């Protein structure tokens, strides 16, 4: 029940958020499947009447991928997401760059 309560508290933050960054593990298919639930929560809980920029980050691209690339493309097209693959372990993409990209998209909208 504690996890359910935490999820409800998190969902309250979705109401007026102007941008999202979602992560999944390219090596763990379950993390990719859970994105559908997160997108449903975002769509149901956000009360704004305009689009919000969303960045999807596929992490651990330095390891073997267990998530099908076609499924990723289909998902990002369905939800109009900005997609980045990286490895936070290798610091190929700076987290500050990701935040700046999101803020730039928010500002332009």
C-alpha atoms as a PDB file:
ATOM      1  CA  UNK A   1       0.000   0.000   0.000  1.00  0.00           C
ATOM      2  CA  UNK A   2       2.915   2.348   0.579  1.00  0.00           C
ATOM      3  CA  UNK A   3       3.934   2.198  -3.103  1.00  0.00           C
ATOM      4  CA  UNK A   4       0.348   2.951  -4.177  1.00  0.00           C
ATOM      5  CA  UNK A   5       0.276   5.958  -1.837  1.00  0.00           C
ATOM      6  CA  UNK A   6       3.572   7.238  -3.208  1.00  0.00           C
ATOM      7  CA  UNK A   7       2.284   6.865  -6.780  1.00  0.00           C
ATOM      8  CA  UNK A   8      -0.820   8.885  -5.923  1.00  0.00           C
ATOM      9  CA  UNK A   9       1.351  11.635  -4.430  1.00  0.00           C
ATOM     10  CA  UNK A  10       3.533  11.695  -7.554  1.00  0.00           C
ATOM     11  CA  UNK A  11       0.471  11.896  -9.803  1.00  0.00           C
ATOM     12  CA  UNK A  12      -0.581  15.105  -8.066  1.00  0.00           C
ATOM     13  CA  UNK A  13       2.533  16.753  -9.474  1.00  0.00           C
ATOM     14  CA  UNK A  14       1.386  15.992 -13.042  1.00  0.00           C
ATOM     15  CA  UNK A  15      -1.430  18.556 -12.880  1.00  0.00           C
ATOM     16  CA  UNK A  16       0.495  21.623 -13.994  1.00  0.00           C
ATOM     17  CA  UNK A  17       3.913  20.409 -15.121  1.00  0.00           C
ATOM     18  CA  UNK A  18       5.174  22.146 -18.251  1.00  0.00           C
ATOM     19  CA  UNK A  19       7.713  19.522 -19.373  1.00  0.00           C
ATOM     20  CA  UNK A  20       8.664  15.929 -18.702  1.00  0.00           C
ATOM     21  CA  UNK A  21      11.796  13.804 -18.765  1.00  0.00           C
ATOM     22  CA  UNK A  22      11.171  10.058 -18.752  1.00  0.00           C
ATOM     23  CA  UNK A  23      13.861   7.388 -18.459  1.00  0.00           C
ATOM     24  CA  UNK A  24      13.873   3.708 -19.273  1.00  0.00           C
ATOM     25  CA  UNK A  25      16.554   1.040 -19.251  1.00  0.00           C
ATOM     26  CA  UNK A  26      17.357  -0.243 -22.754  1.00  0.00           C
ATOM     27  CA  UNK A  27      18.289  -3.581 -21.165  1.00  0.00           C
ATOM     28  CA  UNK A  28      15.095  -4.031 -19.160  1.00  0.00           C
ATOM     29  CA  UNK A  29      11.942  -4.447 -21.238  1.00  0.00           C
ATOM     30  CA  UNK A  30       9.721  -3.986 -18.162  1.00  0.00           C
ATOM     31  CA  UNK A  31      10.949  -0.405 -17.742  1.00  0.00           C
ATOM     32  CA  UNK A  32       9.905   0.283 -21.337  1.00  0.00           C
ATOM     33  CA  UNK A  33       6.480  -1.301 -20.815  1.00  0.00           C
ATOM     34  CA  UNK A  34       5.940   0.833 -17.707  1.00  0.00           C
ATOM     35  CA  UNK A  35       6.227   3.966 -19.868  1.00  0.00           C
ATOM     36  CA  UNK A  36       2.692   3.338 -21.166  1.00  0.00           C
ATOM     37  CA  UNK A  37       1.374   3.564 -17.607  1.00  0.00           C
ATOM     38  CA  UNK A  38       3.357   6.757 -16.979  1.00  0.00           C
ATOM     39  CA  UNK A  39       2.044   8.331 -20.190  1.00  0.00           C
ATOM     40  CA  UNK A  40      -1.522   7.421 -19.263  1.00  0.00           C
ATOM     41  CA  UNK A  41      -1.059   9.014 -15.829  1.00  0.00           C
ATOM     42  CA  UNK A  42       0.434  12.153 -17.354  1.00  0.00           C
ATOM     43  CA  UNK A  43      -2.407  12.474 -19.860  1.00  0.00           C
ATOM     44  CA  UNK A  44      -5.113  11.849 -17.252  1.00  0.00           C
ATOM     45  CA  UNK A  45      -3.704  14.045 -14.482  1.00  0.00           C
ATOM     46  CA  UNK A  46      -2.348  17.074 -16.339  1.00  0.00           C
ATOM     47  CA  UNK A  47      -5.001  19.826 -16.339  1.00  0.00           C
ATOM     48  CA  UNK A  48      -3.339  22.192 -18.811  1.00  0.00           C
ATOM     49  CA  UNK A  49      -4.958  22.578 -22.210  1.00  0.00           C
ATOM     50  CA  UNK A  50      -1.786  22.620 -24.304  1.00  0.00           C
ATOM     51  CA  UNK A  51       1.027  20.279 -25.313  1.00  0.00           C
ATOM     52  CA  UNK A  52       4.054  19.813 -23.096  1.00  0.00           C
ATOM     53  CA  UNK A  53       7.511  18.899 -24.345  1.00  0.00           C
ATOM     54  CA  UNK A  54       8.591  15.437 -23.314  1.00  0.00           C
ATOM     55  CA  UNK A  55      12.029  13.918 -23.513  1.00  0.00           C
ATOM     56  CA  UNK A  56      12.414  10.158 -23.418  1.00  0.00           C
ATOM     57  CA  UNK A  57      15.838   8.867 -22.481  1.00  0.00           C
ATOM     58  CA  UNK A  58      16.902   5.314 -23.210  1.00  0.00           C
ATOM     59  CA  UNK A  59      19.665   4.658 -20.725  1.00  0.00           C
ATOM     60  CA  UNK A  60      22.492   2.080 -20.764  1.00  0.00           C
ATOM     61  CA  UNK A  61      23.070   2.173 -24.518  1.00  0.00           C
ATOM     62  CA  UNK A  62      26.598   0.933 -23.865  1.00  0.00           C
ATOM     63  CA  UNK A  63      25.161  -2.513 -23.036  1.00  0.00           C
ATOM     64  CA  UNK A  64      23.096  -5.039 -24.997  1.00  0.00           C
ATOM     65  CA  UNK A  65      19.601  -3.748 -25.847  1.00  0.00           C
ATOM     66  CA  UNK A  66      16.616  -5.851 -24.853  1.00  0.00           C
ATOM     67  CA  UNK A  67      14.068  -3.298 -26.066  1.00  0.00           C
ATOM     68  CA  UNK A  68      13.163  -3.513 -29.751  1.00  0.00           C
ATOM     69  CA  UNK A  69      14.144  -0.381 -31.692  1.00  0.00           C
ATOM     70  CA  UNK A  70      10.902  -0.547 -33.689  1.00  0.00           C
ATOM     71  CA  UNK A  71       8.860  -0.433 -30.468  1.00  0.00           C
ATOM     72  CA  UNK A  72      10.820   2.609 -29.318  1.00  0.00           C
ATOM     73  CA  UNK A  73      10.234   4.429 -32.619  1.00  0.00           C
ATOM     74  CA  UNK A  74       6.534   3.594 -32.531  1.00  0.00           C
ATOM     75  CA  UNK A  75       6.265   4.889 -28.954  1.00  0.00           C
ATOM     76  CA  UNK A  76       8.083   8.179 -29.593  1.00  0.00           C
ATOM     77  CA  UNK A  77       6.002   8.845 -32.713  1.00  0.00           C
ATOM     78  CA  UNK A  78       2.748   8.048 -30.918  1.00  0.00           C
ATOM     79  CA  UNK A  79       3.459  10.544 -28.126  1.00  0.00           C
ATOM     80  CA  UNK A  80       5.585  13.044 -30.103  1.00  0.00           C
ATOM     81  CA  UNK A  81       8.599  12.620 -27.830  1.00  0.00           C
ATOM     82  CA  UNK A  82      12.142  13.862 -28.148  1.00  0.00           C
ATOM     83  CA  UNK A  83      14.282  10.735 -27.896  1.00  0.00           C
ATOM     84  CA  UNK A  84      17.851  10.417 -26.667  1.00  0.00           C
ATOM     85  CA  UNK A  85      19.880   7.268 -26.081  1.00  0.00           C
ATOM     86  CA  UNK A  86      22.753   7.527 -23.674  1.00  0.00           C
ATOM     87  CA  UNK A  87      24.714   5.855 -20.966  1.00  0.00           C
ATOM     88  CA  UNK A  88      24.814   7.820 -17.759  1.00  0.00           C
ATOM     89  CA  UNK A  89      27.700   5.579 -16.810  1.00  0.00           C
ATOM     90  CA  UNK A  90      29.805   6.948 -19.686  1.00  0.00           C
ATOM     91  CA  UNK A  91      28.514  10.538 -19.430  1.00  0.00           C
ATOM     92  CA  UNK A  92      28.080  10.740 -23.203  1.00  0.00           C
ATOM     93  CA  UNK A  93      25.264  13.239 -22.711  1.00  0.00           C
ATOM     94  CA  UNK A  94      25.458  15.793 -19.959  1.00  0.00           C
ATOM     95  CA  UNK A  95      22.324  16.012 -17.812  1.00  0.00           C
ATOM     96  CA  UNK A  96      22.587  19.798 -17.994  1.00  0.00           C
ATOM     97  CA  UNK A  97      22.251  19.540 -21.782  1.00  0.00           C
ATOM     98  CA  UNK A  98      19.040  17.544 -21.356  1.00  0.00           C
ATOM     99  CA  UNK A  99      17.589  20.145 -18.973  1.00  0.00           C
ATOM    100  CA  UNK A 100      18.571  22.963 -21.340  1.00  0.00           C
ATOM    101  CA  UNK A 101      16.910  21.147 -24.253  1.00  0.00           C
ATOM    102  CA  UNK A 102      13.701  20.747 -22.263  1.00  0.00           C
ATOM    103  CA  UNK A 103      13.717  24.378 -21.135  1.00  0.00           C
ATOM    104  CA  UNK A 104      14.309  25.523 -24.710  1.00  0.00           C
ATOM    105  CA  UNK A 105      11.287  23.501 -25.905  1.00  0.00           C
ATOM    106  CA  UNK A 106       9.135  24.861 -23.056  1.00  0.00           C
ATOM    107  CA  UNK A 107      10.154  28.425 -23.872  1.00  0.00           C
ATOM    108  CA  UNK A 108       9.362  27.978 -27.586  1.00  0.00           C
ATOM    109  CA  UNK A 109       5.889  26.655 -26.827  1.00  0.00           C
END
